[in-house]
């Protein structure tokens, strides 16, 4: 009986250790809703929603327009280590418009980088929204 319990404890320890290694090997996950601040003459708040599966990242950014409206822009890209790259095309724009986002996931869980659009490059920072407790 004692040998059975000891064997069970060893197996449990191995499984727990392997599970922790799998989570560490998976790397960071940026799935969620983010408050993004585009930094120009003033900070423009922008909503960014991301979903990550492995290295692949998809999402939507709610971009402000000159007319004071907002436009959903679908994004696709990847997160490799802590480096994020995303791009998307603004549908219905007067001229073909592509948005390119490059950034880094910081140790504190925030992100920062640049957004390249029709008006040049703009620095940005972002923080993930905390989920409400149910």
N, C-alpha and C. Protein backbone atom coordinates (compact mmCIF):
# COMPACT_ATOMS: atom_id res chain seq x y z
N UNK A 1 0.82 -1.19 0.00
CA UNK A 1 0.00 0.00 0.00
C UNK A 1 0.87 1.26 0.00
N UNK A 2 1.93 1.23 0.82
CA UNK A 2 2.82 2.37 0.89
C UNK A 2 3.51 2.61 -0.45
N UNK A 3 3.90 1.51 -1.13
CA UNK A 3 4.55 1.65 -2.44
C UNK A 3 3.58 2.25 -3.46
N UNK A 4 2.31 1.87 -3.40
CA UNK A 4 1.30 2.39 -4.31
C UNK A 4 1.12 3.89 -4.11
N UNK A 5 1.05 4.31 -2.87
CA UNK A 5 0.90 5.74 -2.56
C UNK A 5 2.13 6.50 -3.02
N UNK A 6 3.32 5.95 -2.77
CA UNK A 6 4.57 6.60 -3.19
C UNK A 6 4.61 6.72 -4.71
N UNK A 7 4.22 5.67 -5.42
CA UNK A 7 4.21 5.69 -6.89
C UNK A 7 3.20 6.73 -7.39
N UNK A 8 2.05 6.81 -6.75
CA UNK A 8 1.04 7.80 -7.14
C UNK A 8 1.58 9.22 -6.97
N UNK A 9 2.27 9.47 -5.86
CA UNK A 9 2.83 10.80 -5.59
C UNK A 9 3.88 11.15 -6.64
N UNK A 10 4.73 10.19 -7.01
CA UNK A 10 5.75 10.43 -8.03
C UNK A 10 5.09 10.76 -9.38
N UNK A 11 4.09 9.98 -9.77
CA UNK A 11 3.38 10.23 -11.04
C UNK A 11 2.71 11.60 -11.01
N UNK A 12 2.06 11.94 -9.91
CA UNK A 12 1.40 13.24 -9.78
C UNK A 12 2.41 14.38 -9.90
N UNK A 13 3.56 14.23 -9.27
CA UNK A 13 4.61 15.26 -9.34
C UNK A 13 5.11 15.42 -10.77
N UNK A 14 5.29 14.31 -11.48
CA UNK A 14 5.75 14.37 -12.87
C UNK A 14 4.73 15.06 -13.77
N UNK A 15 3.47 14.70 -13.62
CA UNK A 15 2.40 15.30 -14.43
C UNK A 15 2.32 16.80 -14.15
N UNK A 16 2.37 17.19 -12.89
CA UNK A 16 2.31 18.61 -12.53
C UNK A 16 3.49 19.35 -13.11
N UNK A 17 4.68 18.78 -13.03
CA UNK A 17 5.88 19.41 -13.58
C UNK A 17 5.80 19.56 -15.08
N UNK A 18 5.33 18.53 -15.78
CA UNK A 18 5.19 18.60 -17.23
C UNK A 18 4.16 19.64 -17.63
N UNK A 19 3.07 19.74 -16.90
CA UNK A 19 2.04 20.72 -17.19
C UNK A 19 2.60 22.14 -17.05
N UNK A 20 3.39 22.38 -16.03
CA UNK A 20 4.00 23.70 -15.83
C UNK A 20 4.98 24.00 -16.96
N UNK A 21 5.73 22.99 -17.42
CA UNK A 21 6.65 23.21 -18.53
C UNK A 21 5.90 23.52 -19.81
N UNK A 22 4.77 22.84 -20.06
CA UNK A 22 3.97 23.09 -21.25
C UNK A 22 3.47 24.53 -21.26
N UNK A 23 3.02 25.02 -20.11
CA UNK A 23 2.53 26.38 -20.04
C UNK A 23 3.66 27.37 -20.28
N UNK A 24 4.85 27.09 -19.74
CA UNK A 24 5.99 27.98 -19.94
C UNK A 24 6.41 27.97 -21.40
N UNK A 25 6.42 26.79 -22.04
CA UNK A 25 6.84 26.66 -23.43
C UNK A 25 5.85 27.34 -24.37
N UNK A 26 4.59 27.40 -23.97
CA UNK A 26 3.57 28.03 -24.82
C UNK A 26 3.83 29.52 -24.97
N UNK A 27 4.50 30.13 -24.03
CA UNK A 27 4.83 31.55 -24.11
C UNK A 27 3.66 32.42 -23.72
N UNK A 28 3.83 33.71 -23.92
CA UNK A 28 2.79 34.65 -23.52
C UNK A 28 1.54 34.54 -24.39
N UNK A 29 0.42 34.91 -23.82
CA UNK A 29 -0.84 34.92 -24.56
C UNK A 29 -1.46 36.30 -24.42
N UNK A 30 -1.78 36.92 -25.55
CA UNK A 30 -2.30 38.29 -25.52
C UNK A 30 -3.80 38.35 -25.84
N UNK A 31 -4.47 37.21 -25.77
CA UNK A 31 -5.92 37.19 -26.00
C UNK A 31 -6.60 38.10 -25.00
N UNK A 32 -7.53 38.92 -25.49
CA UNK A 32 -8.29 39.79 -24.61
C UNK A 32 -8.58 41.13 -25.25
N UNK A 33 -9.17 42.00 -24.46
CA UNK A 33 -9.48 43.36 -24.90
C UNK A 33 -8.47 44.31 -24.29
N UNK A 34 -7.96 45.19 -25.11
CA UNK A 34 -6.90 46.10 -24.71
C UNK A 34 -7.34 47.55 -24.89
N UNK A 35 -6.93 48.40 -23.95
CA UNK A 35 -7.06 49.86 -24.10
C UNK A 35 -5.78 50.34 -24.74
N UNK A 36 -5.87 50.78 -25.98
CA UNK A 36 -4.70 51.24 -26.71
C UNK A 36 -4.75 52.77 -26.77
N UNK A 37 -3.62 53.40 -26.58
CA UNK A 37 -3.53 54.85 -26.68
C UNK A 37 -2.59 55.23 -27.80
N UNK A 38 -3.14 55.82 -28.87
CA UNK A 38 -2.31 56.32 -29.97
C UNK A 38 -1.78 57.69 -29.55
N UNK A 39 -0.47 57.87 -29.62
CA UNK A 39 0.13 59.07 -29.06
C UNK A 39 0.61 60.01 -30.16
N UNK A 40 -0.16 61.08 -30.36
CA UNK A 40 0.21 62.12 -31.31
C UNK A 40 0.30 63.43 -30.55
N UNK A 41 -0.40 64.44 -31.01
CA UNK A 41 -0.44 65.71 -30.27
C UNK A 41 -1.18 65.51 -28.94
N UNK A 42 -2.06 64.52 -28.91
CA UNK A 42 -2.73 64.09 -27.69
C UNK A 42 -2.97 62.58 -27.81
N UNK A 43 -3.33 61.95 -26.72
CA UNK A 43 -3.55 60.49 -26.74
C UNK A 43 -4.96 60.22 -27.24
N UNK A 44 -5.06 59.37 -28.26
CA UNK A 44 -6.35 58.96 -28.80
C UNK A 44 -6.63 57.54 -28.31
N UNK A 45 -7.68 57.36 -27.48
CA UNK A 45 -8.00 56.01 -26.99
C UNK A 45 -8.64 55.17 -28.09
N UNK A 46 -8.18 53.93 -28.17
CA UNK A 46 -8.64 53.01 -29.21
C UNK A 46 -8.87 51.64 -28.57
N UNK A 47 -9.95 50.97 -28.95
CA UNK A 47 -10.21 49.61 -28.45
C UNK A 47 -9.54 48.61 -29.39
N UNK A 48 -8.88 47.63 -28.80
CA UNK A 48 -8.20 46.58 -29.54
C UNK A 48 -8.58 45.24 -28.91
N UNK A 49 -9.16 44.36 -29.72
CA UNK A 49 -9.54 43.03 -29.24
C UNK A 49 -8.71 42.00 -29.99
N UNK A 50 -8.04 41.11 -29.24
CA UNK A 50 -7.14 40.14 -29.85
C UNK A 50 -7.48 38.72 -29.43
N UNK A 51 -7.22 37.78 -30.33
CA UNK A 51 -7.34 36.36 -30.01
C UNK A 51 -6.08 35.67 -30.53
N UNK A 52 -5.43 34.93 -29.66
CA UNK A 52 -4.18 34.26 -30.02
C UNK A 52 -4.35 32.75 -29.95
N UNK A 53 -3.88 32.08 -31.00
CA UNK A 53 -3.82 30.61 -31.04
C UNK A 53 -2.42 30.26 -31.51
N UNK A 54 -1.60 29.79 -30.58
CA UNK A 54 -0.20 29.55 -30.90
C UNK A 54 0.47 30.88 -31.19
N UNK A 55 1.14 30.97 -32.32
CA UNK A 55 1.79 32.23 -32.72
C UNK A 55 0.83 33.15 -33.48
N UNK A 56 -0.28 32.60 -33.99
CA UNK A 56 -1.21 33.37 -34.81
C UNK A 56 -2.09 34.26 -33.95
N UNK A 57 -2.18 35.52 -34.35
CA UNK A 57 -3.01 36.50 -33.64
C UNK A 57 -3.98 37.13 -34.65
N UNK A 58 -5.25 37.18 -34.29
CA UNK A 58 -6.26 37.88 -35.08
C UNK A 58 -6.97 38.85 -34.14
N UNK A 59 -7.67 39.79 -34.73
CA UNK A 59 -8.39 40.72 -33.88
C UNK A 59 -9.05 41.83 -34.65
N UNK A 60 -9.52 42.81 -33.89
CA UNK A 60 -10.20 43.98 -34.46
C UNK A 60 -9.72 45.21 -33.70
N UNK A 61 -9.42 46.26 -34.45
CA UNK A 61 -9.11 47.55 -33.84
C UNK A 61 -10.20 48.52 -34.26
N UNK A 62 -10.67 49.30 -33.33
CA UNK A 62 -11.73 50.27 -33.58
C UNK A 62 -11.06 51.62 -33.84
N UNK A 63 -10.83 51.93 -35.13
CA UNK A 63 -10.06 53.12 -35.51
C UNK A 63 -10.95 54.34 -35.67
N UNK A 64 -10.50 55.48 -35.12
CA UNK A 64 -11.23 56.72 -35.32
C UNK A 64 -11.02 57.23 -36.74
N UNK A 65 -12.04 57.91 -37.29
CA UNK A 65 -11.93 58.51 -38.62
C UNK A 65 -11.92 60.03 -38.48
N UNK A 66 -11.57 60.70 -39.55
CA UNK A 66 -11.57 62.18 -39.53
C UNK A 66 -12.97 62.75 -39.34
N UNK A 67 -13.98 61.98 -39.72
CA UNK A 67 -15.36 62.43 -39.60
C UNK A 67 -15.90 62.26 -38.18
N UNK A 68 -15.04 61.80 -37.27
CA UNK A 68 -15.46 61.62 -35.89
C UNK A 68 -16.16 60.30 -35.62
N UNK A 69 -16.17 59.42 -36.59
CA UNK A 69 -16.77 58.10 -36.43
C UNK A 69 -15.67 57.10 -36.10
N UNK A 70 -16.05 55.86 -35.92
CA UNK A 70 -15.07 54.80 -35.75
C UNK A 70 -15.31 53.72 -36.77
N UNK A 71 -14.25 53.00 -37.10
CA UNK A 71 -14.32 51.95 -38.12
C UNK A 71 -13.64 50.70 -37.58
N UNK A 72 -14.35 49.55 -37.62
CA UNK A 72 -13.74 48.28 -37.25
C UNK A 72 -12.79 47.83 -38.35
N UNK A 73 -11.56 47.52 -37.98
CA UNK A 73 -10.58 47.02 -38.94
C UNK A 73 -10.11 45.65 -38.46
N UNK A 74 -10.36 44.63 -39.28
CA UNK A 74 -9.91 43.27 -38.95
C UNK A 74 -8.39 43.19 -39.10
N UNK A 75 -7.75 42.52 -38.13
CA UNK A 75 -6.30 42.40 -38.12
C UNK A 75 -5.88 40.94 -38.11
N UNK A 76 -4.70 40.67 -38.66
CA UNK A 76 -4.11 39.33 -38.60
C UNK A 76 -2.60 39.49 -38.52
N UNK A 77 -1.97 38.58 -37.80
CA UNK A 77 -0.52 38.63 -37.66
C UNK A 77 -0.03 37.55 -36.74
N UNK A 78 1.05 37.85 -36.01
CA UNK A 78 1.62 36.85 -35.12
C UNK A 78 2.35 37.48 -33.96
N UNK A 79 2.51 36.67 -32.92
CA UNK A 79 3.31 37.03 -31.75
C UNK A 79 4.43 36.00 -31.67
N UNK A 80 5.66 36.46 -31.86
CA UNK A 80 6.83 35.60 -31.78
C UNK A 80 7.66 36.10 -30.61
N UNK A 81 7.85 35.22 -29.62
CA UNK A 81 8.45 35.61 -28.35
C UNK A 81 7.60 36.75 -27.80
N UNK A 82 8.10 37.95 -27.73
CA UNK A 82 7.31 39.07 -27.23
C UNK A 82 7.04 40.11 -28.32
N UNK A 83 7.38 39.77 -29.58
CA UNK A 83 7.23 40.72 -30.69
C UNK A 83 5.91 40.48 -31.43
N UNK A 84 5.09 41.52 -31.49
CA UNK A 84 3.78 41.46 -32.13
C UNK A 84 3.82 42.17 -33.48
N UNK A 85 3.27 41.54 -34.51
CA UNK A 85 3.06 42.19 -35.80
C UNK A 85 1.64 41.88 -36.24
N UNK A 86 0.92 42.92 -36.65
CA UNK A 86 -0.45 42.80 -37.13
C UNK A 86 -0.63 43.72 -38.32
N UNK A 87 -1.54 43.37 -39.21
CA UNK A 87 -1.90 44.28 -40.29
C UNK A 87 -3.35 44.03 -40.69
N UNK A 88 -3.95 45.05 -41.28
CA UNK A 88 -5.33 44.95 -41.74
C UNK A 88 -5.64 46.04 -42.74
N UNK A 89 -6.68 45.84 -43.51
CA UNK A 89 -7.10 46.80 -44.53
C UNK A 89 -8.40 47.45 -44.09
N UNK A 90 -8.45 48.76 -44.21
CA UNK A 90 -9.65 49.52 -43.86
C UNK A 90 -10.64 49.36 -45.01
N UNK A 91 -11.73 48.63 -44.77
CA UNK A 91 -12.75 48.41 -45.79
C UNK A 91 -13.58 49.67 -45.98
N UNK A 92 -13.90 50.00 -47.22
CA UNK A 92 -14.75 51.14 -47.51
C UNK A 92 -14.05 52.48 -47.48
N UNK A 93 -12.74 52.49 -47.37
CA UNK A 93 -12.00 53.76 -47.38
C UNK A 93 -11.98 54.32 -48.80
N UNK A 94 -11.87 55.65 -48.91
CA UNK A 94 -11.83 56.29 -50.22
C UNK A 94 -10.67 55.77 -51.06
N UNK A 95 -9.55 55.51 -50.40
CA UNK A 95 -8.39 54.93 -51.07
C UNK A 95 -7.98 53.69 -50.28
N UNK A 96 -7.38 52.71 -50.95
CA UNK A 96 -6.93 51.51 -50.21
C UNK A 96 -6.02 51.93 -49.04
N UNK A 97 -6.37 51.50 -47.86
CA UNK A 97 -5.64 51.89 -46.66
C UNK A 97 -5.29 50.66 -45.84
N UNK A 98 -4.01 50.51 -45.55
CA UNK A 98 -3.54 49.39 -44.74
C UNK A 98 -3.00 49.94 -43.43
N UNK A 99 -3.29 49.22 -42.36
CA UNK A 99 -2.76 49.56 -41.04
C UNK A 99 -1.77 48.47 -40.66
N UNK A 100 -0.60 48.88 -40.23
CA UNK A 100 0.42 47.94 -39.78
C UNK A 100 0.78 48.26 -38.34
N UNK A 101 0.72 47.25 -37.48
CA UNK A 101 1.02 47.43 -36.06
C UNK A 101 2.23 46.57 -35.72
N UNK A 102 3.21 47.19 -35.09
CA UNK A 102 4.37 46.47 -34.58
C UNK A 102 4.50 46.83 -33.11
N UNK A 103 4.79 45.84 -32.28
CA UNK A 103 4.89 46.13 -30.87
C UNK A 103 5.60 45.06 -30.09
N UNK A 104 5.73 45.33 -28.81
CA UNK A 104 6.40 44.43 -27.89
C UNK A 104 5.55 44.24 -26.65
N UNK A 105 5.45 43.00 -26.21
CA UNK A 105 4.79 42.69 -24.94
C UNK A 105 5.84 42.89 -23.85
N UNK A 106 5.56 43.80 -22.93
CA UNK A 106 6.49 44.11 -21.85
C UNK A 106 6.36 43.12 -20.70
N UNK A 107 7.37 43.08 -19.84
CA UNK A 107 7.37 42.17 -18.69
C UNK A 107 6.19 42.41 -17.76
N UNK A 108 5.70 43.66 -17.68
CA UNK A 108 4.59 43.97 -16.79
C UNK A 108 3.22 43.65 -17.40
N UNK A 109 3.21 43.08 -18.64
CA UNK A 109 1.96 42.71 -19.28
C UNK A 109 1.39 43.77 -20.19
N UNK A 110 1.96 44.97 -20.19
CA UNK A 110 1.52 46.02 -21.10
C UNK A 110 2.20 45.81 -22.45
N UNK A 111 1.77 46.57 -23.46
CA UNK A 111 2.41 46.51 -24.77
C UNK A 111 2.71 47.93 -25.23
N UNK A 112 3.66 48.04 -26.16
CA UNK A 112 3.97 49.33 -26.76
C UNK A 112 4.56 49.08 -28.14
N UNK A 113 4.44 50.10 -29.00
CA UNK A 113 4.99 49.94 -30.34
C UNK A 113 4.61 51.10 -31.22
N UNK A 114 4.49 50.81 -32.53
CA UNK A 114 4.10 51.84 -33.50
C UNK A 114 2.98 51.31 -34.38
N UNK A 115 2.13 52.22 -34.82
CA UNK A 115 1.06 51.93 -35.76
C UNK A 115 1.34 52.76 -37.00
N UNK A 116 1.45 52.10 -38.14
CA UNK A 116 1.69 52.79 -39.40
C UNK A 116 0.39 52.79 -40.20
N UNK A 117 -0.05 53.98 -40.56
CA UNK A 117 -1.27 54.13 -41.33
C UNK A 117 -1.09 55.16 -42.42
N UNK A 118 -2.18 55.66 -42.94
CA UNK A 118 -2.10 56.61 -44.05
C UNK A 118 -1.44 57.94 -43.66
N UNK A 119 -1.35 58.22 -42.38
CA UNK A 119 -0.79 59.50 -41.93
C UNK A 119 0.58 59.33 -41.27
N UNK A 120 1.24 58.21 -41.53
CA UNK A 120 2.57 57.97 -40.99
C UNK A 120 2.55 57.05 -39.79
N UNK A 121 3.67 57.03 -39.06
CA UNK A 121 3.81 56.16 -37.88
C UNK A 121 3.45 56.93 -36.62
N UNK A 122 2.75 56.23 -35.74
CA UNK A 122 2.33 56.81 -34.46
C UNK A 122 2.71 55.83 -33.36
N UNK A 123 3.37 56.31 -32.29
CA UNK A 123 3.64 55.41 -31.18
C UNK A 123 2.36 55.09 -30.41
N UNK A 124 2.33 53.92 -29.78
CA UNK A 124 1.17 53.52 -28.98
C UNK A 124 1.61 52.74 -27.76
N UNK A 125 0.73 52.73 -26.78
CA UNK A 125 0.86 51.87 -25.61
C UNK A 125 -0.50 51.20 -25.40
N UNK A 126 -0.51 50.07 -24.71
CA UNK A 126 -1.78 49.37 -24.47
C UNK A 126 -1.71 48.59 -23.17
N UNK A 127 -2.86 48.55 -22.51
CA UNK A 127 -3.01 47.74 -21.30
C UNK A 127 -4.24 46.86 -21.47
N UNK A 128 -4.14 45.62 -21.03
CA UNK A 128 -5.26 44.68 -21.16
C UNK A 128 -6.32 45.03 -20.12
N UNK A 129 -7.58 44.99 -20.55
CA UNK A 129 -8.69 45.18 -19.60
C UNK A 129 -8.78 43.95 -18.71
N UNK A 130 -9.07 44.18 -17.47
CA UNK A 130 -9.24 43.06 -16.55
C UNK A 130 -10.66 42.52 -16.74
N UNK A 131 -10.79 41.20 -16.67
CA UNK A 131 -12.11 40.59 -16.81
C UNK A 131 -12.90 40.80 -15.53
N UNK A 132 -14.20 41.03 -15.69
CA UNK A 132 -15.08 41.16 -14.53
C UNK A 132 -15.26 39.82 -13.85
N UNK A 133 -15.34 39.86 -12.55
CA UNK A 133 -15.63 38.63 -11.82
C UNK A 133 -17.11 38.33 -11.95
N UNK A 134 -17.43 37.07 -12.16
CA UNK A 134 -18.84 36.69 -12.36
C UNK A 134 -19.46 36.22 -11.09
